[in-house]
Amino acid sequence: MLNRLSRRCFCTIAPRPWLFVGLGNPGDKYRGTRHNVGFEMIDAFAESQGIPMNTVNSKAIFGKGFVGEVPVFLAKPQTYMNLSGESTGPLAAYYKLPLNQVLVFHDDMNLPCGVLRLHDKGGHGSHKGLKSVIYNFRGNREFPRLRIGIGKPPGQMDPKAFLLQKFNATARQRIDEALLEGVDALKHLLSKGLAESAKRFNKEQKYKHLRVQTLPV
């Protein structure tokens, strides 16, 4: 695989590689929690494309493969959420990737549960994992991200407790559906590019947002 990657990645006519990074916390304690949907999106994409996540690279569980002719690197940092950049930064540097080829998946409380958004850049929105990534990119925020809606905490619930809570059955179903939609969006991105994919995907997700924002979870 490595020789194949080397031959195809560095040919002048080969498509540019992408690095997909899912944010989350390692260990069984955090499996299935709201804060770990970035990990879940990586796993869903890897499974759909037959890419094994069976190595460790730069403090991340790591996989590599191709989607069509496009080389793809997949990573789940094992540093815990607040230090995600300590893995993401070195990975991007090692593969000499421009930041516009590094796509970060993360949970977002500002979107209803199961609603996704694809953006070419942005701030951290107080998300500590994103904050760490930006810090390790020397303050550069010009990298794409896939936001995965998890909804807001109910009532006066502590946001930190909400993030580390597992989904109930209704929310779990929405997230599972969203993961499938995300996989399709990522495949489209790799074949058609970020700008076209984001325009189409975000339009579809806008209608979904209108449908689900008033529904309970």
Protein backbone atom coordinates (compact mmCIF):
# COMPACT_ATOMS: atom_id res chain seq x y z
CA MET A 1 0.00 0.00 0.00
CA LEU A 2 2.80 2.44 0.90
CA ASN A 3 4.53 1.96 -2.45
CA ARG A 4 1.21 2.36 -4.20
CA LEU A 5 0.53 5.56 -2.28
CA SER A 6 4.00 6.88 -3.09
CA ARG A 7 3.63 6.21 -6.80
CA ARG A 8 0.18 7.74 -7.03
CA CYS A 9 0.45 10.64 -4.57
CA PHE A 10 3.59 12.20 -5.99
CA CYS A 11 2.87 11.88 -9.67
CA THR A 12 2.29 15.36 -11.07
CA ILE A 13 -1.05 14.34 -12.59
CA ALA A 14 -2.31 12.48 -9.52
CA PRO A 15 -5.17 13.96 -7.45
CA ARG A 16 -4.08 15.75 -4.30
CA PRO A 17 -4.36 13.68 -1.11
CA TRP A 18 -6.86 14.51 1.62
CA LEU A 19 -6.49 14.09 5.37
CA PHE A 20 -9.77 13.48 7.21
CA VAL A 21 -9.53 13.94 10.99
CA GLY A 22 -12.35 13.01 13.37
CA LEU A 23 -12.29 14.60 16.81
CA GLY A 24 -13.18 12.72 19.98
CA ASN A 25 -11.91 11.11 23.17
CA PRO A 26 -10.24 7.68 23.25
CA GLY A 27 -11.39 4.72 25.33
CA ASP A 28 -14.57 2.75 25.94
CA LYS A 29 -15.74 5.29 28.53
CA TYR A 30 -16.42 7.84 25.79
CA ARG A 31 -17.63 5.51 23.04
CA GLY A 32 -21.06 6.57 21.76
CA THR A 33 -21.06 9.95 23.52
CA ARG A 34 -22.05 13.18 21.80
CA HIS A 35 -18.49 14.51 21.88
CA ASN A 36 -17.28 11.50 19.88
CA VAL A 37 -19.34 11.81 16.71
CA GLY A 38 -16.20 12.93 14.85
CA PHE A 39 -14.70 9.51 15.57
CA GLU A 40 -17.93 7.87 14.44
CA MET A 41 -17.85 9.70 11.11
CA ILE A 42 -14.29 8.50 10.49
CA ASP A 43 -15.31 4.93 11.31
CA ALA A 44 -18.37 5.10 9.06
CA PHE A 45 -16.35 6.45 6.14
CA ALA A 46 -13.52 3.95 6.64
CA GLU A 47 -15.96 1.04 6.74
CA SER A 48 -17.82 2.24 3.65
CA GLN A 49 -14.57 2.44 1.65
CA GLY A 50 -12.88 -0.65 3.06
CA ILE A 51 -10.03 1.37 4.60
CA PRO A 52 -8.56 -0.41 7.66
CA MET A 53 -7.92 1.77 10.72
CA ASN A 54 -5.19 -0.48 12.05
CA THR A 55 -2.05 1.61 12.51
CA VAL A 56 -0.86 4.43 14.78
CA ASN A 57 0.63 7.63 13.37
CA SER A 58 1.32 10.91 15.18
CA LYS A 59 -0.72 9.95 18.27
CA ALA A 60 -3.69 8.91 16.13
CA ILE A 61 -5.40 5.70 15.09
CA PHE A 62 -4.72 5.89 11.39
CA GLY A 63 -5.75 4.44 8.05
CA LYS A 64 -4.91 5.13 4.41
CA GLY A 65 -6.39 4.15 1.10
CA PHE A 66 -7.95 5.42 -2.09
CA VAL A 67 -11.42 6.58 -3.04
CA GLY A 68 -11.34 6.22 -6.80
CA GLU A 69 -7.97 7.74 -7.67
CA VAL A 70 -7.84 10.09 -4.68
CA PRO A 71 -5.44 9.20 -1.84
CA VAL A 72 -7.12 9.57 1.56
CA PHE A 73 -5.61 9.52 5.06
CA LEU A 74 -7.96 8.98 8.02
CA ALA A 75 -7.11 9.83 11.63
CA LYS A 76 -8.68 9.67 15.09
CA PRO A 77 -6.37 11.55 17.50
CA GLN A 78 -5.86 9.67 20.78
CA THR A 79 -4.68 12.74 22.70
CA TYR A 80 -8.09 13.50 24.21
CA MET A 81 -10.22 16.23 22.69
CA ASN A 82 -8.48 19.27 24.19
CA LEU A 83 -5.13 18.31 22.62
CA SER A 84 -6.39 17.16 19.20
CA GLY A 85 -4.05 19.54 17.41
CA GLU A 86 -1.00 17.73 18.77
CA SER A 87 -1.90 14.92 16.39
CA THR A 88 -3.53 16.84 13.53
CA GLY A 89 -0.72 19.37 13.10
CA PRO A 90 2.11 16.82 12.79
CA LEU A 91 0.05 14.64 10.42
CA ALA A 92 -0.58 17.52 8.03
CA ALA A 93 3.10 18.48 8.21
CA TYR A 94 4.35 14.92 7.69
CA TYR A 95 2.32 14.47 4.51
CA LYS A 96 3.07 18.04 3.39
CA LEU A 97 -0.60 18.81 2.97
CA PRO A 98 -1.94 22.34 2.51
CA LEU A 99 -4.57 23.10 5.13
CA ASN A 100 -7.32 23.27 2.51
CA GLN A 101 -6.79 19.50 2.10
CA VAL A 102 -7.29 18.78 5.81
CA LEU A 103 -10.95 18.20 6.72
CA VAL A 104 -11.88 18.04 10.41
CA PHE A 105 -15.08 16.34 11.63
CA HIS A 106 -16.51 17.58 14.95
CA ASP A 107 -19.64 17.75 17.09
CA ASP A 108 -21.61 21.00 17.16
CA MET A 109 -24.22 22.02 19.75
CA ASN A 110 -25.39 24.90 17.54
CA LEU A 111 -26.96 22.50 15.02
CA PRO A 112 -29.97 20.27 15.69
CA CYS A 113 -29.17 16.63 16.31
CA GLY A 114 -28.34 14.89 13.03
CA VAL A 115 -27.99 18.03 10.91
CA LEU A 116 -24.64 18.48 9.14
CA ARG A 117 -22.77 21.38 7.57
CA LEU A 118 -19.70 21.42 5.34
CA HIS A 119 -17.53 24.57 5.39
CA ASP A 120 -14.23 25.58 3.83
CA LYS A 121 -13.04 27.47 6.94
CA GLY A 122 -14.21 29.06 10.19
CA GLY A 123 -13.48 29.74 13.84
CA HIS A 124 -13.54 27.32 16.74
CA GLY A 125 -16.85 28.37 18.29
CA SER A 126 -15.47 27.53 21.76
CA HIS A 127 -14.96 23.91 20.68
CA LYS A 128 -11.79 22.92 22.52
CA GLY A 129 -10.77 20.32 19.97
CA LEU A 130 -10.99 22.84 17.14
CA LYS A 131 -9.20 25.39 19.29
CA SER A 132 -6.29 22.98 19.71
CA VAL A 133 -6.19 22.24 15.97
CA ILE A 134 -6.10 25.96 15.13
CA TYR A 135 -3.36 26.52 17.71
CA ASN A 136 -1.23 23.77 16.19
CA PHE A 137 -1.85 25.22 12.73
CA ARG A 138 -0.22 28.41 14.08
CA GLY A 139 -3.53 30.23 14.27
CA ASN A 140 -4.55 29.42 10.70
CA ARG A 141 -8.31 28.77 10.48
CA GLU A 142 -8.43 28.18 6.73
CA PHE A 143 -9.11 24.47 6.83
CA PRO A 144 -12.43 22.79 5.99
CA ARG A 145 -14.61 21.16 8.59
CA LEU A 146 -17.70 18.95 8.73
CA ARG A 147 -19.96 20.05 11.58
CA ILE A 148 -22.14 17.30 13.06
CA GLY A 149 -25.15 18.59 14.96
CA ILE A 150 -25.82 17.11 18.39
CA GLY A 151 -28.38 19.63 19.65
CA LYS A 152 -28.31 21.80 22.75
CA PRO A 153 -28.38 20.65 26.39
CA PRO A 154 -31.93 20.51 27.81
CA GLY A 155 -32.92 23.05 30.43
CA GLN A 156 -30.07 24.07 32.72
CA MET A 157 -27.95 21.00 32.06
CA ASP A 158 -24.19 21.56 32.18
CA PRO A 159 -22.88 21.52 28.56
CA LYS A 160 -19.84 19.48 29.62
CA ALA A 161 -22.09 16.77 31.08
CA PHE A 162 -24.26 16.87 27.95
CA LEU A 163 -21.25 16.33 25.67
CA LEU A 164 -20.14 13.26 27.60
CA GLN A 165 -23.60 11.71 27.68
CA LYS A 166 -24.66 8.94 25.30
CA PHE A 167 -27.48 9.52 22.81
CA ASN A 168 -31.00 8.36 23.60
CA ALA A 169 -32.73 6.10 21.06
CA THR A 170 -34.28 8.91 19.01
CA ALA A 171 -31.08 10.94 18.83
CA ARG A 172 -29.07 7.80 18.05
CA GLN A 173 -31.27 7.10 15.04
CA ARG A 174 -30.77 10.65 13.76
CA ILE A 175 -27.00 10.42 14.17
CA ASP A 176 -26.86 7.06 12.37
CA GLU A 177 -28.77 8.58 9.45
CA ALA A 178 -26.50 11.62 9.49
CA LEU A 179 -23.39 9.42 9.30
CA LEU A 180 -24.69 7.86 6.08
CA GLU A 181 -25.41 11.30 4.66
CA GLY A 182 -21.94 12.44 5.68
CA VAL A 183 -20.29 9.49 3.93
CA ASP A 184 -22.13 10.35 0.70
CA ALA A 185 -21.08 13.99 1.01
CA LEU A 186 -17.44 13.02 1.52
CA LYS A 187 -17.43 10.75 -1.50
CA HIS A 188 -18.94 13.57 -3.56
CA LEU A 189 -16.29 15.97 -2.22
CA LEU A 190 -13.48 13.66 -3.30
CA SER A 191 -14.85 13.37 -6.82
CA LYS A 192 -16.21 16.89 -7.41
CA GLY A 193 -14.29 19.15 -5.01
CA LEU A 194 -15.19 20.99 -1.83
CA ALA A 195 -16.95 24.05 -3.25
CA GLU A 196 -19.47 22.17 -5.37
CA SER A 197 -20.07 19.53 -2.72
CA ALA A 198 -20.59 22.05 0.08
CA LYS A 199 -23.07 24.07 -1.97
CA ARG A 200 -25.18 21.03 -2.79
CA PHE A 201 -24.89 19.32 0.57
CA ASN A 202 -25.58 22.40 2.70
CA LYS A 203 -28.70 23.14 0.67
CA GLU A 204 -30.01 19.64 1.38
CA GLN A 205 -29.10 19.94 5.06
CA LYS A 206 -30.83 23.33 5.31
CA TYR A 207 -34.14 21.69 4.46
CA LYS A 208 -33.43 18.94 6.96
CA HIS A 209 -32.68 21.60 9.58
CA LEU A 210 -36.09 23.16 9.04
CA ARG A 211 -37.76 19.75 9.47
CA VAL A 212 -36.03 18.63 12.64
CA GLN A 213 -35.26 21.78 14.62
CA THR A 214 -38.57 21.75 16.45
CA LEU A 215 -38.68 17.99 17.07
CA PRO A 216 -37.78 16.62 20.52
CA VAL A 217 -34.87 14.23 21.11
